[in-house]
C-alpha atoms as a PDB file:
ATOM      1  CA  MET A   1     -28.169  33.640 -59.854  1.00  0.00           C
ATOM      2  CA  LYS A   2     -29.678  35.590 -62.778  1.00  0.00           C
ATOM      3  CA  THR A   3     -27.218  38.423 -62.196  1.00  0.00           C
ATOM      4  CA  LEU A   4     -24.233  36.059 -62.204  1.00  0.00           C
ATOM      5  CA  LEU A   5     -25.397  34.397 -65.425  1.00  0.00           C
ATOM      6  CA  ASN A   6     -26.019  37.812 -67.003  1.00  0.00           C
ATOM      7  CA  VAL A   7     -22.517  39.001 -66.123  1.00  0.00           C
ATOM      8  CA  ILE A   8     -20.940  35.818 -67.534  1.00  0.00           C
ATOM      9  CA  TRP A   9     -23.147  36.126 -70.621  1.00  0.00           C
ATOM     10  CA  LEU A  10     -22.237  39.793 -71.060  1.00  0.00           C
ATOM     11  CA  VAL A  11     -18.518  39.060 -71.011  1.00  0.00           C
ATOM     12  CA  PHE A  12     -18.509  35.987 -73.254  1.00  0.00           C
ATOM     13  CA  ALA A  13     -21.348  36.558 -75.727  1.00  0.00           C
ATOM     14  CA  GLY A  14     -23.707  39.432 -74.944  1.00  0.00           C
ATOM     15  CA  ALA A  15     -21.465  42.387 -75.680  1.00  0.00           C
ATOM     16  CA  TRP A  16     -20.445  41.048 -79.101  1.00  0.00           C
ATOM     17  CA  LEU A  17     -23.975  40.095 -80.108  1.00  0.00           C
ATOM     18  CA  ALA A  18     -25.327  43.442 -78.919  1.00  0.00           C
ATOM     19  CA  LEU A  19     -22.712  45.323 -80.936  1.00  0.00           C
ATOM     20  CA  GLY A  20     -23.815  43.423 -84.021  1.00  0.00           C
ATOM     21  CA  TYR A  21     -27.480  44.236 -83.437  1.00  0.00           C
ATOM     22  CA  VAL A  22     -26.654  47.916 -82.743  1.00  0.00           C
ATOM     23  CA  ALA A  23     -24.630  48.125 -85.962  1.00  0.00           C
ATOM     24  CA  ALA A  24     -27.531  46.579 -87.885  1.00  0.00           C
ATOM     25  CA  GLY A  25     -29.921  49.025 -86.200  1.00  0.00           C
ATOM     26  CA  ILE A  26     -27.811  51.999 -87.217  1.00  0.00           C
ATOM     27  CA  VAL A  27     -27.672  50.801 -90.824  1.00  0.00           C
ATOM     28  CA  CYS A  28     -31.439  50.239 -90.844  1.00  0.00           C
ATOM     29  CA  CYS A  29     -32.097  53.711 -89.432  1.00  0.00           C
ATOM     30  CA  LEU A  30     -30.092  55.364 -92.211  1.00  0.00           C
ATOM     31  CA  LEU A  31     -32.893  54.540 -94.630  1.00  0.00           C
ATOM     32  CA  VAL A  32     -36.329  55.906 -93.826  1.00  0.00           C
ATOM     33  CA  VAL A  33     -38.170  52.785 -94.971  1.00  0.00           C
ATOM     34  CA  THR A  34     -36.265  50.436 -92.642  1.00  0.00           C
ATOM     35  CA  ILE A  35     -36.522  52.479 -89.424  1.00  0.00           C
ATOM     36  CA  PRO A  36     -38.939  49.955 -87.804  1.00  0.00           C
ATOM     37  CA  PHE A  37     -36.330  47.251 -88.385  1.00  0.00           C
ATOM     38  CA  GLY A  38     -33.674  49.480 -86.819  1.00  0.00           C
ATOM     39  CA  ILE A  39     -35.815  50.011 -83.732  1.00  0.00           C
ATOM     40  CA  ALA A  40     -36.393  46.262 -83.519  1.00  0.00           C
ATOM     41  CA  SER A  41     -32.625  45.706 -83.758  1.00  0.00           C
ATOM     42  CA  PHE A  42     -32.026  48.124 -80.871  1.00  0.00           C
ATOM     43  CA  ARG A  43     -34.659  46.304 -78.775  1.00  0.00           C
ATOM     44  CA  ILE A  44     -33.021  42.958 -79.504  1.00  0.00           C
ATOM     45  CA  ALA A  45     -29.622  44.471 -78.617  1.00  0.00           C
ATOM     46  CA  SER A  46     -30.873  45.444 -75.170  1.00  0.00           C
ATOM     47  CA  TYR A  47     -32.316  41.952 -74.720  1.00  0.00           C
ATOM     48  CA  VAL A  48     -29.059  40.349 -75.850  1.00  0.00           C
ATOM     49  CA  LEU A  49     -27.080  42.335 -73.280  1.00  0.00           C
ATOM     50  CA  TRP A  50     -29.074  41.039 -70.285  1.00  0.00           C
ATOM     51  CA  PRO A  51     -31.257  38.037 -71.313  1.00  0.00           C
ATOM     52  CA  PHE A  52     -31.600  36.146 -68.028  1.00  0.00           C
ATOM     53  CA  GLY A  53     -34.695  37.193 -66.116  1.00  0.00           C
ATOM     54  CA  ARG A  54     -36.420  38.593 -69.220  1.00  0.00           C
ATOM     55  CA  THR A  55     -38.711  37.049 -71.801  1.00  0.00           C
ATOM     56  CA  VAL A  56     -40.495  37.943 -75.024  1.00  0.00           C
ATOM     57  CA  VAL A  57     -44.292  38.220 -75.229  1.00  0.00           C
ATOM     58  CA  GLU A  58     -46.641  39.129 -78.030  1.00  0.00           C
ATOM     59  CA  LYS A  59     -47.656  42.779 -78.098  1.00  0.00           C
ATOM     60  CA  PRO A  60     -51.464  42.773 -78.084  1.00  0.00           C
ATOM     61  CA  THR A  61     -51.672  46.042 -80.039  1.00  0.00           C
ATOM     62  CA  ALA A  62     -49.564  44.780 -82.968  1.00  0.00           C
ATOM     63  CA  GLY A  63     -51.409  44.815 -86.249  1.00  0.00           C
ATOM     64  CA  ALA A  64     -51.096  43.670 -89.820  1.00  0.00           C
ATOM     65  CA  TRP A  65     -48.082  45.902 -90.487  1.00  0.00           C
ATOM     66  CA  SER A  66     -46.091  43.910 -87.925  1.00  0.00           C
ATOM     67  CA  THR A  67     -46.936  40.704 -89.757  1.00  0.00           C
ATOM     68  CA  ILE A  68     -45.935  42.162 -93.117  1.00  0.00           C
ATOM     69  CA  GLY A  69     -42.722  43.547 -91.622  1.00  0.00           C
ATOM     70  CA  ASN A  70     -41.940  40.188 -90.018  1.00  0.00           C
ATOM     71  CA  VAL A  71     -42.298  38.397 -93.366  1.00  0.00           C
ATOM     72  CA  ILE A  72     -39.825  40.831 -94.929  1.00  0.00           C
ATOM     73  CA  TRP A  73     -37.518  40.528 -91.892  1.00  0.00           C
ATOM     74  CA  VAL A  74     -37.512  36.696 -92.047  1.00  0.00           C
ATOM     75  CA  LEU A  75     -36.629  36.720 -95.733  1.00  0.00           C
ATOM     76  CA  VAL A  76     -33.884  39.335 -95.429  1.00  0.00           C
ATOM     77  CA  ALA A  77     -32.287  38.764 -92.004  1.00  0.00           C
ATOM     78  CA  GLY A  78     -34.278  36.510 -89.693  1.00  0.00           C
ATOM     79  CA  ILE A  79     -33.187  33.145 -91.035  1.00  0.00           C
ATOM     80  CA  TRP A  80     -29.525  34.150 -91.007  1.00  0.00           C
ATOM     81  CA  LEU A  81     -29.762  35.465 -87.464  1.00  0.00           C
ATOM     82  CA  ALA A  82     -31.435  32.263 -86.292  1.00  0.00           C
ATOM     83  CA  VAL A  83     -28.751  30.135 -87.963  1.00  0.00           C
ATOM     84  CA  GLY A  84     -26.105  32.301 -86.291  1.00  0.00           C
ATOM     85  CA  HIS A  85     -27.683  31.827 -82.880  1.00  0.00           C
ATOM     86  CA  VAL A  86     -27.841  28.045 -83.359  1.00  0.00           C
ATOM     87  CA  ALA A  87     -24.236  27.976 -84.579  1.00  0.00           C
ATOM     88  CA  THR A  88     -23.045  29.889 -81.518  1.00  0.00           C
ATOM     89  CA  ALA A  89     -25.203  27.884 -79.115  1.00  0.00           C
ATOM     90  CA  ILE A  90     -23.690  24.537 -80.114  1.00  0.00           C
ATOM     91  CA  PRO A  91     -20.168  25.315 -78.781  1.00  0.00           C
ATOM     92  CA  LEU A  92     -21.689  26.718 -75.596  1.00  0.00           C
ATOM     93  CA  PHE A  93     -23.449  23.421 -74.945  1.00  0.00           C
ATOM     94  CA  VAL A  94     -20.132  21.566 -75.101  1.00  0.00           C
ATOM     95  CA  SER A  95     -18.977  22.888 -71.737  1.00  0.00           C
ATOM     96  CA  ILE A  96     -20.996  22.415 -68.567  1.00  0.00           C
ATOM     97  CA  ILE A  97     -20.796  26.074 -67.578  1.00  0.00           C
ATOM     98  CA  GLY A  98     -21.904  27.160 -71.056  1.00  0.00           C
ATOM     99  CA  ILE A  99     -25.204  25.233 -71.032  1.00  0.00           C
ATOM    100  CA  PRO A 100     -27.265  28.106 -69.538  1.00  0.00           C
ATOM    101  CA  MET A 101     -25.695  30.483 -72.052  1.00  0.00           C
ATOM    102  CA  GLY A 102     -26.496  28.071 -74.890  1.00  0.00           C
ATOM    103  CA  ILE A 103     -30.103  27.948 -73.716  1.00  0.00           C
ATOM    104  CA  ALA A 104     -30.182  31.758 -73.597  1.00  0.00           C
ATOM    105  CA  ASN A 105     -28.806  31.864 -77.131  1.00  0.00           C
ATOM    106  CA  LEU A 106     -31.579  29.534 -78.319  1.00  0.00           C
ATOM    107  CA  LYS A 107     -34.084  31.702 -76.440  1.00  0.00           C
ATOM    108  CA  LEU A 108     -33.065  34.585 -78.699  1.00  0.00           C
ATOM    109  CA  ILE A 109     -34.083  32.759 -81.886  1.00  0.00           C
ATOM    110  CA  PRO A 110     -37.828  33.586 -81.819  1.00  0.00           C
ATOM    111  CA  VAL A 111     -37.221  37.307 -81.343  1.00  0.00           C
ATOM    112  CA  SER A 112     -34.495  37.333 -83.990  1.00  0.00           C
ATOM    113  CA  LEU A 113     -36.810  35.603 -86.468  1.00  0.00           C
ATOM    114  CA  VAL A 114     -39.910  37.782 -85.960  1.00  0.00           C
ATOM    115  CA  PRO A 115     -39.090  40.861 -83.845  1.00  0.00           C
ATOM    116  CA  LEU A 116     -41.985  43.118 -84.798  1.00  0.00           C
ATOM    117  CA  GLY A 117     -45.074  42.860 -82.610  1.00  0.00           C
ATOM    118  CA  LYS A 118     -43.081  41.542 -79.656  1.00  0.00           C
ATOM    119  CA  GLU A 119     -42.338  43.060 -76.285  1.00  0.00           C
ATOM    120  CA  ILE A 120     -39.470  42.217 -73.923  1.00  0.00           C
ATOM    121  CA  VAL A 121     -40.585  42.060 -70.290  1.00  0.00           C
ATOM    122  CA  PRO A 122     -39.138  40.754 -67.023  1.00  0.00           C
ATOM    123  CA  THR A 123     -40.032  37.115 -66.365  1.00  0.00           C
ATOM    124  CA  ASP A 124     -42.010  38.057 -63.275  1.00  0.00           C
ATOM    125  CA  ARG A 125     -44.222  40.217 -65.541  1.00  0.00           C
ATOM    126  CA  ALA A 126     -44.482  37.792 -68.475  1.00  0.00           C
ATOM    127  CA  PHE A 127     -48.237  38.262 -68.719  1.00  0.00           C
ATOM    128  CA  ALA A 128     -48.289  41.970 -67.847  1.00  0.00           C
ATOM    129  CA  ALA A 129     -48.841  42.875 -71.489  1.00  0.00           C
ATOM    130  CA  TYR A 130     -52.117  40.947 -71.409  1.00  0.00           C
ATOM    131  CA  GLY A 131     -53.390  42.643 -68.279  1.00  0.00           C
ATOM    132  CA  ARG A 132     -53.138  39.531 -66.115  1.00  0.00           C
END
């Protein structure tokens, strides 16, 4: 079932969202200072391509620089990305078949708001980062 939802997601929303995150990652990598944001954008792009069966967990080794970077990210891009995900989730909820895709779109909001210090893992390994 996850594979079917991922394929439907990829065709209707994932490819376009991933292209946007890849373009943002390339722009961020052009400047030396924003390379961590570019890497975060590439990670989000891979998550956006295939979101079902994966989840986001806190990276236990993240430090104060991740927090500082997340504050900058929220002010510059995070809020707008979250608003965009909510705006695209609403039409998906209108149709019955789009409800799982709308939920997946809302699931992307936390990682689009604060991407630094996060790790994307399969749902069967959600606590693998904590050694459980």
